[in-house]
């Protein structure tokens, strides 16, 4: 854990402590350990990416005083990425359904006469 003193209030069901960039956060989570670790790593990478973009734009890293705002921005950034991924997946599903519908429309409703696929010859 980090140097930040954790709240002495006992954890409630579903609550866990996670360290994000050296800061301890008490969160509600139903994720298993490996999933929570991957999620935390993704969140930390998002913060690093945001910090690099900020530094490129303003020439210095963001102020430590803005930490809570920074955490919220990171969470919103991730939420936005999830929404974009869900929209892309939904669009792909719709495109696939449209393609399948077009293919089904091309299939005749009436069965072909016996032997029609073989130039009129009965395959048996």
Protein backbone atom coordinates (compact mmCIF):
# COMPACT_ATOMS: atom_id res chain seq x y z
CA UNK A 1 0.00 0.00 0.00
CA UNK A 2 1.03 3.60 -0.31
CA UNK A 3 2.21 6.07 2.31
CA UNK A 4 -1.29 7.53 2.54
CA UNK A 5 -2.97 6.50 5.78
CA UNK A 6 -6.02 4.42 5.02
CA UNK A 7 -9.33 5.17 6.65
CA UNK A 8 -9.77 3.06 9.78
CA UNK A 9 -13.45 2.47 9.04
CA UNK A 10 -13.90 -1.23 8.31
CA UNK A 11 -14.47 -2.14 4.69
CA UNK A 12 -18.08 -2.79 3.78
CA UNK A 13 -19.07 -5.76 1.61
CA UNK A 14 -17.89 -5.12 -1.92
CA UNK A 15 -15.33 -2.48 -0.89
CA UNK A 16 -11.61 -2.83 -1.54
CA UNK A 17 -8.52 -0.66 -1.34
CA UNK A 18 -6.59 -0.07 -4.57
CA UNK A 19 -3.43 1.90 -5.17
CA UNK A 20 -3.53 4.19 -8.19
CA UNK A 21 -0.30 6.05 -8.91
CA UNK A 22 0.74 5.80 -5.27
CA UNK A 23 -2.60 6.95 -3.86
CA UNK A 24 -4.86 4.60 -1.96
CA UNK A 25 -8.48 4.66 -3.01
CA UNK A 26 -11.39 2.92 -1.34
CA UNK A 27 -13.77 1.68 -4.01
CA UNK A 28 -16.75 -0.62 -4.51
CA UNK A 29 -15.85 -3.50 -6.78
CA UNK A 30 -17.19 -6.94 -7.62
CA UNK A 31 -14.21 -7.74 -9.87
CA UNK A 32 -11.82 -10.54 -9.02
CA UNK A 33 -8.19 -9.79 -8.16
CA UNK A 34 -6.63 -10.17 -11.63
CA UNK A 35 -9.40 -8.14 -13.29
CA UNK A 36 -9.05 -5.38 -10.70
CA UNK A 37 -5.27 -5.35 -11.21
CA UNK A 38 -5.65 -5.05 -15.00
CA UNK A 39 -8.24 -2.30 -14.54
CA UNK A 40 -5.97 -0.41 -12.16
CA UNK A 41 -3.06 -0.72 -14.60
CA UNK A 42 -5.26 0.61 -17.42
CA UNK A 43 -6.38 3.54 -15.26
CA UNK A 44 -2.77 4.35 -14.35
CA UNK A 45 -1.75 4.23 -18.02
CA UNK A 46 -4.63 6.57 -18.85
CA UNK A 47 -3.40 9.04 -16.22
CA UNK A 48 0.15 8.85 -17.60
CA UNK A 49 -1.14 9.46 -21.13
CA UNK A 50 -3.20 12.42 -19.91
CA UNK A 51 -0.20 13.80 -18.04
CA UNK A 52 2.00 13.54 -21.16
CA UNK A 53 -0.65 15.31 -23.25
CA UNK A 54 -0.97 18.03 -20.59
CA UNK A 55 2.80 18.47 -20.46
CA UNK A 56 3.05 18.70 -24.25
CA UNK A 57 0.28 21.31 -24.32
CA UNK A 58 1.30 23.44 -21.33
CA UNK A 59 5.01 22.66 -20.96
CA UNK A 60 4.75 21.35 -17.39
CA UNK A 61 3.06 18.49 -15.57
CA UNK A 62 -0.34 19.12 -13.98
CA UNK A 63 -0.41 20.55 -10.47
CA UNK A 64 -0.58 18.09 -7.58
CA UNK A 65 -3.34 20.28 -6.16
CA UNK A 66 -5.64 19.12 -8.95
CA UNK A 67 -5.40 15.43 -8.03
CA UNK A 68 -9.09 14.80 -7.38
CA UNK A 69 -10.02 16.62 -10.58
CA UNK A 70 -7.34 14.64 -12.38
CA UNK A 71 -8.76 11.35 -11.07
CA UNK A 72 -12.25 12.30 -12.24
CA UNK A 73 -10.94 13.31 -15.65
CA UNK A 74 -9.15 9.98 -15.96
CA UNK A 75 -12.26 8.04 -15.04
CA UNK A 76 -14.32 10.10 -17.50
CA UNK A 77 -11.68 9.53 -20.17
CA UNK A 78 -11.93 5.77 -19.67
CA UNK A 79 -15.72 5.89 -19.64
CA UNK A 80 -15.62 7.78 -22.94
CA UNK A 81 -13.32 5.13 -24.42
CA UNK A 82 -15.71 2.38 -23.28
CA UNK A 83 -18.67 4.18 -24.85
CA UNK A 84 -16.78 4.58 -28.14
CA UNK A 85 -15.84 0.88 -28.13
CA UNK A 86 -19.44 -0.11 -27.40
CA UNK A 87 -20.69 2.14 -30.22
CA UNK A 88 -18.16 0.62 -32.63
CA UNK A 89 -19.18 -2.91 -31.58
CA UNK A 90 -22.85 -2.02 -31.99
CA UNK A 91 -22.19 -0.59 -35.46
CA UNK A 92 -20.30 -3.75 -36.44
CA UNK A 93 -23.22 -5.87 -35.21
CA UNK A 94 -25.68 -3.78 -37.20
CA UNK A 95 -23.47 -4.03 -40.31
CA UNK A 96 -23.24 -7.80 -39.90
CA UNK A 97 -27.02 -8.11 -39.46
CA UNK A 98 -27.57 -6.00 -42.60
CA UNK A 99 -25.14 -8.15 -44.59
CA UNK A 100 -26.79 -11.36 -43.40
CA UNK A 101 -30.23 -9.95 -44.26
CA UNK A 102 -29.04 -9.08 -47.77
CA UNK A 103 -27.58 -12.58 -48.18
CA UNK A 104 -30.82 -14.17 -46.99
CA UNK A 105 -32.79 -11.99 -49.42
CA UNK A 106 -30.66 -13.41 -52.26
CA UNK A 107 -31.58 -16.99 -51.33
CA UNK A 108 -34.71 -18.14 -53.21
CA UNK A 109 -37.70 -19.18 -51.11
CA UNK A 110 -38.59 -22.00 -53.52
CA UNK A 111 -36.36 -25.09 -53.48
CA UNK A 112 -34.60 -25.81 -56.74
CA UNK A 113 -35.81 -28.62 -58.89
CA UNK A 114 -33.86 -31.87 -58.45
CA UNK A 115 -30.67 -31.86 -60.43
CA UNK A 116 -30.84 -28.16 -61.31
CA UNK A 117 -27.43 -27.50 -59.78
CA UNK A 118 -25.84 -30.14 -61.98
CA UNK A 119 -27.06 -28.91 -65.34
CA UNK A 120 -30.27 -30.90 -65.24
CA UNK A 121 -28.54 -34.19 -64.37
CA UNK A 122 -29.62 -36.19 -61.33
CA UNK A 123 -26.54 -36.59 -59.07
CA UNK A 124 -27.59 -40.07 -57.87
